[in-house]
Amino acid sequence: MDWGTLVATVSGGFVAISGTVLADHLRRRHESDRSVEARRRAVYIEFIAAAGACHTRLRRIAQASGGEGDLDASTRAALGDSGIYEVRERLFIDATTDVAGAGQAMFERLRALQRAVAAGASHHSPAFHDAYHPYIAAVWSYRVAVRKELEGRPFSPAAFGWEEWDGRDRCALCAG
């Protein structure tokens, strides 16, 4: 029996099996990374969409100027119906620290807007705008954090020809 042939065959088989196992491991890890990224992207979009739905409803309530019966109940329902509480929990689970922090800051500003509208602030009142503009700035901060994480590209108000994210420079009420 030729021992050289046997050793070469066993060694070749070992190298082939090791290569296959390593390639499979790397493929699974790559798929897992893509899955995490896709899950994060989905929850990031769901969170901002839920916040947008709530914001839209709060603006409608504020524009009604007292047309709603119980403002506190209506504004709390705007938060609950938007689904933001559930998506926020998923955001805390899946998001990176920077995006979760920006999302929480945005949520807190949305709650401040909700409290202002619940207190009777109409759409054109200074009280509404004092809560609205910080919320808009927080929305953009969230978008910037998400974009930085997912694409690694910077984003600034100047890209839109704006001075600041909060929109005060473009607000007829605040500028006047």
C-alpha atoms as a PDB file:
ATOM      1  CA  MET A   1       0.000   0.000   0.000  1.00  0.00           C
ATOM      2  CA  ASP A   2       1.281   3.420  -0.941  1.00  0.00           C
ATOM      3  CA  TRP A   3       0.986   5.621   2.152  1.00  0.00           C
ATOM      4  CA  GLY A   4       1.659   8.811   0.195  1.00  0.00           C
ATOM      5  CA  THR A   5      -1.499   8.354  -1.889  1.00  0.00           C
ATOM      6  CA  LEU A   6      -3.601   7.609   1.192  1.00  0.00           C
ATOM      7  CA  VAL A   7      -2.307  10.671   3.075  1.00  0.00           C
ATOM      8  CA  ALA A   8      -2.829  12.881   0.012  1.00  0.00           C
ATOM      9  CA  THR A   9      -6.391  11.597  -0.449  1.00  0.00           C
ATOM     10  CA  VAL A  10      -7.324  12.076   3.223  1.00  0.00           C
ATOM     11  CA  SER A  11      -5.704  15.523   3.285  1.00  0.00           C
ATOM     12  CA  GLY A  12      -7.493  16.563   0.104  1.00  0.00           C
ATOM     13  CA  GLY A  13     -10.815  15.339   1.481  1.00  0.00           C
ATOM     14  CA  PHE A  14     -10.237  17.236   4.723  1.00  0.00           C
ATOM     15  CA  VAL A  15      -9.421  20.460   2.849  1.00  0.00           C
ATOM     16  CA  ALA A  16     -12.499  20.070   0.634  1.00  0.00           C
ATOM     17  CA  ILE A  17     -14.845  19.426   3.572  1.00  0.00           C
ATOM     18  CA  SER A  18     -13.313  22.291   5.578  1.00  0.00           C
ATOM     19  CA  GLY A  19     -13.743  24.655   2.644  1.00  0.00           C
ATOM     20  CA  THR A  20     -17.356  23.628   2.187  1.00  0.00           C
ATOM     21  CA  VAL A  21     -18.143  24.061   5.901  1.00  0.00           C
ATOM     22  CA  LEU A  22     -16.418  27.466   5.993  1.00  0.00           C
ATOM     23  CA  ALA A  23     -18.227  28.648   2.847  1.00  0.00           C
ATOM     24  CA  ASP A  24     -21.575  27.534   4.278  1.00  0.00           C
ATOM     25  CA  HIS A  25     -20.858  29.286   7.585  1.00  0.00           C
ATOM     26  CA  LEU A  26     -19.935  32.530   5.805  1.00  0.00           C
ATOM     27  CA  ARG A  27     -23.042  32.329   3.608  1.00  0.00           C
ATOM     28  CA  ARG A  28     -25.301  31.873   6.648  1.00  0.00           C
ATOM     29  CA  ARG A  29     -23.639  34.748   8.462  1.00  0.00           C
ATOM     30  CA  HIS A  30     -24.049  36.996   5.411  1.00  0.00           C
ATOM     31  CA  GLU A  31     -27.736  36.059   5.146  1.00  0.00           C
ATOM     32  CA  SER A  32     -28.194  36.725   8.844  1.00  0.00           C
ATOM     33  CA  ASP A  33     -26.578  40.160   8.508  1.00  0.00           C
ATOM     34  CA  ARG A  34     -28.855  40.979   5.575  1.00  0.00           C
ATOM     35  CA  SER A  35     -31.849  39.801   7.583  1.00  0.00           C
ATOM     36  CA  VAL A  36     -30.941  42.059  10.514  1.00  0.00           C
ATOM     37  CA  GLU A  37     -30.454  45.019   8.184  1.00  0.00           C
ATOM     38  CA  ALA A  38     -33.785  44.368   6.457  1.00  0.00           C
ATOM     39  CA  ARG A  39     -35.570  44.039   9.807  1.00  0.00           C
ATOM     40  CA  ARG A  40     -34.018  47.299  11.038  1.00  0.00           C
ATOM     41  CA  ARG A  41     -34.883  49.139   7.843  1.00  0.00           C
ATOM     42  CA  ALA A  42     -38.490  47.949   8.122  1.00  0.00           C
ATOM     43  CA  VAL A  43     -38.894  49.007  11.750  1.00  0.00           C
ATOM     44  CA  TYR A  44     -37.227  52.372  11.061  1.00  0.00           C
ATOM     45  CA  ILE A  45     -39.740  53.072   8.314  1.00  0.00           C
ATOM     46  CA  GLU A  46     -42.682  51.786  10.370  1.00  0.00           C
ATOM     47  CA  PHE A  47     -41.702  54.004  13.282  1.00  0.00           C
ATOM     48  CA  ILE A  48     -41.524  57.209  11.264  1.00  0.00           C
ATOM     49  CA  ALA A  49     -44.728  56.283   9.419  1.00  0.00           C
ATOM     50  CA  ALA A  50     -46.566  55.742  12.725  1.00  0.00           C
ATOM     51  CA  ALA A  51     -45.228  59.053  14.036  1.00  0.00           C
ATOM     52  CA  GLY A  52     -46.350  60.725  10.807  1.00  0.00           C
ATOM     53  CA  ALA A  53     -49.851  59.269  11.109  1.00  0.00           C
ATOM     54  CA  CYS A  54     -50.103  60.502  14.684  1.00  0.00           C
ATOM     55  CA  HIS A  55     -48.733  63.929  13.739  1.00  0.00           C
ATOM     56  CA  THR A  56     -51.276  64.254  10.931  1.00  0.00           C
ATOM     57  CA  ARG A  57     -54.131  63.416  13.273  1.00  0.00           C
ATOM     58  CA  LEU A  58     -52.884  65.845  15.925  1.00  0.00           C
ATOM     59  CA  ARG A  59     -52.718  68.611  13.294  1.00  0.00           C
ATOM     60  CA  ARG A  60     -56.313  67.861  12.258  1.00  0.00           C
ATOM     61  CA  ILE A  61     -57.438  68.068  15.878  1.00  0.00           C
ATOM     62  CA  ALA A  62     -55.569  71.365  16.308  1.00  0.00           C
ATOM     63  CA  GLN A  63     -57.078  72.728  13.079  1.00  0.00           C
ATOM     64  CA  ALA A  64     -60.579  71.861  14.268  1.00  0.00           C
ATOM     65  CA  SER A  65     -60.079  74.500  16.987  1.00  0.00           C
ATOM     66  CA  GLY A  66     -62.331  73.022  19.608  1.00  0.00           C
ATOM     67  CA  GLY A  67     -64.457  70.925  17.255  1.00  0.00           C
ATOM     68  CA  GLU A  68     -63.333  67.810  19.123  1.00  0.00           C
ATOM     69  CA  GLY A  69     -65.212  67.049  22.320  1.00  0.00           C
ATOM     70  CA  ASP A  70     -62.604  65.741  24.734  1.00  0.00           C
ATOM     71  CA  LEU A  71     -59.234  66.948  23.448  1.00  0.00           C
ATOM     72  CA  ASP A  72     -57.254  64.862  25.915  1.00  0.00           C
ATOM     73  CA  ALA A  73     -59.002  61.652  24.876  1.00  0.00           C
ATOM     74  CA  SER A  74     -58.791  62.533  21.175  1.00  0.00           C
ATOM     75  CA  THR A  75     -55.075  63.267  21.303  1.00  0.00           C
ATOM     76  CA  ARG A  76     -54.334  60.143  23.343  1.00  0.00           C
ATOM     77  CA  ALA A  77     -56.322  58.145  20.798  1.00  0.00           C
ATOM     78  CA  ALA A  78     -54.199  59.685  18.033  1.00  0.00           C
ATOM     79  CA  LEU A  79     -51.117  58.193  19.671  1.00  0.00           C
ATOM     80  CA  GLY A  80     -52.719  54.826  20.336  1.00  0.00           C
ATOM     81  CA  ASP A  81     -54.391  54.446  16.955  1.00  0.00           C
ATOM     82  CA  SER A  82     -51.185  55.266  15.088  1.00  0.00           C
ATOM     83  CA  GLY A  83     -49.531  52.138  16.482  1.00  0.00           C
ATOM     84  CA  ILE A  84     -46.496  54.095  17.575  1.00  0.00           C
ATOM     85  CA  TYR A  85     -46.263  52.409  20.986  1.00  0.00           C
ATOM     86  CA  GLU A  86     -45.872  48.950  19.476  1.00  0.00           C
ATOM     87  CA  VAL A  87     -43.435  50.041  16.792  1.00  0.00           C
ATOM     88  CA  ARG A  88     -41.432  51.980  19.374  1.00  0.00           C
ATOM     89  CA  GLU A  89     -40.921  48.788  21.371  1.00  0.00           C
ATOM     90  CA  ARG A  90     -39.670  46.996  18.258  1.00  0.00           C
ATOM     91  CA  LEU A  91     -37.420  49.956  17.558  1.00  0.00           C
ATOM     92  CA  PHE A  92     -35.826  49.581  20.992  1.00  0.00           C
ATOM     93  CA  ILE A  93     -35.209  45.896  20.301  1.00  0.00           C
ATOM     94  CA  ASP A  94     -33.839  46.120  16.745  1.00  0.00           C
ATOM     95  CA  ALA A  95     -32.311  49.596  16.414  1.00  0.00           C
ATOM     96  CA  THR A  96     -28.766  50.641  17.050  1.00  0.00           C
ATOM     97  CA  THR A  97     -28.191  52.909  20.037  1.00  0.00           C
ATOM     98  CA  ASP A  98     -27.987  56.075  17.937  1.00  0.00           C
ATOM     99  CA  VAL A  99     -31.206  55.406  16.050  1.00  0.00           C
ATOM    100  CA  ALA A 100     -33.069  54.279  19.183  1.00  0.00           C
ATOM    101  CA  GLY A 101     -31.972  57.474  20.948  1.00  0.00           C
ATOM    102  CA  ALA A 102     -33.082  59.642  18.034  1.00  0.00           C
ATOM    103  CA  GLY A 103     -36.379  57.725  17.890  1.00  0.00           C
ATOM    104  CA  GLN A 104     -36.994  58.223  21.596  1.00  0.00           C
ATOM    105  CA  ALA A 105     -36.242  61.954  21.295  1.00  0.00           C
ATOM    106  CA  MET A 106     -38.699  62.159  18.401  1.00  0.00           C
ATOM    107  CA  PHE A 107     -41.333  60.285  20.417  1.00  0.00           C
ATOM    108  CA  GLU A 108     -40.872  62.654  23.375  1.00  0.00           C
ATOM    109  CA  ARG A 109     -41.337  65.677  21.078  1.00  0.00           C
ATOM    110  CA  LEU A 110     -44.447  64.058  19.600  1.00  0.00           C
ATOM    111  CA  ARG A 111     -45.811  63.591  23.116  1.00  0.00           C
ATOM    112  CA  ALA A 112     -45.097  67.291  23.828  1.00  0.00           C
ATOM    113  CA  LEU A 113     -47.083  68.179  20.691  1.00  0.00           C
ATOM    114  CA  GLN A 114     -49.865  65.855  21.839  1.00  0.00           C
ATOM    115  CA  ARG A 115     -49.973  67.564  25.251  1.00  0.00           C
ATOM    116  CA  ALA A 116     -50.071  71.031  23.634  1.00  0.00           C
ATOM    117  CA  VAL A 117     -53.006  70.049  21.414  1.00  0.00           C
ATOM    118  CA  ALA A 118     -54.739  68.352  24.379  1.00  0.00           C
ATOM    119  CA  ALA A 119     -54.387  71.628  26.288  1.00  0.00           C
ATOM    120  CA  GLY A 120     -56.277  73.388  23.492  1.00  0.00           C
ATOM    121  CA  ALA A 121     -53.478  74.782  21.309  1.00  0.00           C
ATOM    122  CA  SER A 122     -54.892  75.581  17.889  1.00  0.00           C
ATOM    123  CA  HIS A 123     -52.910  75.037  14.712  1.00  0.00           C
ATOM    124  CA  HIS A 124     -52.020  78.723  14.415  1.00  0.00           C
ATOM    125  CA  SER A 125     -51.227  79.369  18.078  1.00  0.00           C
ATOM    126  CA  PRO A 126     -47.759  80.035  19.472  1.00  0.00           C
ATOM    127  CA  ALA A 127     -48.258  77.129  21.915  1.00  0.00           C
ATOM    128  CA  PHE A 128     -48.733  74.731  19.004  1.00  0.00           C
ATOM    129  CA  HIS A 129     -45.676  76.030  17.168  1.00  0.00           C
ATOM    130  CA  ASP A 130     -43.556  75.918  20.322  1.00  0.00           C
ATOM    131  CA  ALA A 131     -44.166  72.155  20.360  1.00  0.00           C
ATOM    132  CA  TYR A 132     -44.411  71.605  16.596  1.00  0.00           C
ATOM    133  CA  HIS A 133     -41.023  72.941  15.494  1.00  0.00           C
ATOM    134  CA  PRO A 134     -38.966  70.925  18.026  1.00  0.00           C
ATOM    135  CA  TYR A 135     -40.902  67.852  16.886  1.00  0.00           C
ATOM    136  CA  ILE A 136     -40.041  68.545  13.235  1.00  0.00           C
ATOM    137  CA  ALA A 137     -36.374  69.007  14.203  1.00  0.00           C
ATOM    138  CA  ALA A 138     -36.479  65.659  16.037  1.00  0.00           C
ATOM    139  CA  VAL A 139     -38.026  63.967  12.985  1.00  0.00           C
ATOM    140  CA  TRP A 140     -35.161  65.172  10.852  1.00  0.00           C
ATOM    141  CA  SER A 141     -32.607  64.149  13.490  1.00  0.00           C
ATOM    142  CA  TYR A 142     -34.108  60.666  13.381  1.00  0.00           C
ATOM    143  CA  ARG A 143     -33.914  60.603   9.591  1.00  0.00           C
ATOM    144  CA  VAL A 144     -30.292  61.731   9.716  1.00  0.00           C
ATOM    145  CA  ALA A 145     -29.433  58.975  12.238  1.00  0.00           C
ATOM    146  CA  VAL A 146     -31.134  56.317  10.113  1.00  0.00           C
ATOM    147  CA  ARG A 147     -29.472  57.528   6.937  1.00  0.00           C
ATOM    148  CA  LYS A 148     -26.074  57.618   8.635  1.00  0.00           C
ATOM    149  CA  GLU A 149     -26.487  54.053   9.855  1.00  0.00           C
ATOM    150  CA  LEU A 150     -27.926  52.519   6.702  1.00  0.00           C
ATOM    151  CA  GLU A 151     -26.072  54.457   4.045  1.00  0.00           C
ATOM    152  CA  GLY A 152     -23.207  56.179   5.856  1.00  0.00           C
ATOM    153  CA  ARG A 153     -23.947  59.420   4.026  1.00  0.00           C
ATOM    154  CA  PRO A 154     -24.412  62.810   5.694  1.00  0.00           C
ATOM    155  CA  PHE A 155     -27.578  64.808   5.393  1.00  0.00           C
ATOM    156  CA  SER A 156     -28.054  68.498   6.166  1.00  0.00           C
ATOM    157  CA  PRO A 157     -30.780  71.150   5.872  1.00  0.00           C
ATOM    158  CA  ALA A 158     -28.676  72.871   3.218  1.00  0.00           C
ATOM    159  CA  ALA A 159     -29.427  69.956   0.868  1.00  0.00           C
ATOM    160  CA  PHE A 160     -32.967  71.368   0.714  1.00  0.00           C
ATOM    161  CA  GLY A 161     -31.964  75.025   0.807  1.00  0.00           C
ATOM    162  CA  TRP A 162     -33.054  75.324   4.436  1.00  0.00           C
ATOM    163  CA  GLU A 163     -31.274  76.946   7.340  1.00  0.00           C
ATOM    164  CA  GLU A 164     -32.463  74.581  10.082  1.00  0.00           C
ATOM    165  CA  TRP A 165     -34.356  71.313  10.339  1.00  0.00           C
ATOM    166  CA  ASP A 166     -37.086  72.706  12.603  1.00  0.00           C
ATOM    167  CA  GLY A 167     -38.700  74.780   9.841  1.00  0.00           C
ATOM    168  CA  ARG A 168     -39.037  78.014  11.818  1.00  0.00           C
ATOM    169  CA  ASP A 169     -37.243  79.857   9.013  1.00  0.00           C
ATOM    170  CA  ARG A 170     -39.966  78.722   6.597  1.00  0.00           C
ATOM    171  CA  CYS A 171     -42.947  79.179   8.925  1.00  0.00           C
ATOM    172  CA  ALA A 172     -45.125  82.179   8.133  1.00  0.00           C
ATOM    173  CA  LEU A 173     -46.419  82.354  11.714  1.00  0.00           C
ATOM    174  CA  CYS A 174     -43.020  82.088  13.408  1.00  0.00           C
ATOM    175  CA  ALA A 175     -41.175  84.297  10.893  1.00  0.00           C
ATOM    176  CA  GLY A 176     -43.803  87.012  11.228  1.00  0.00           C
END
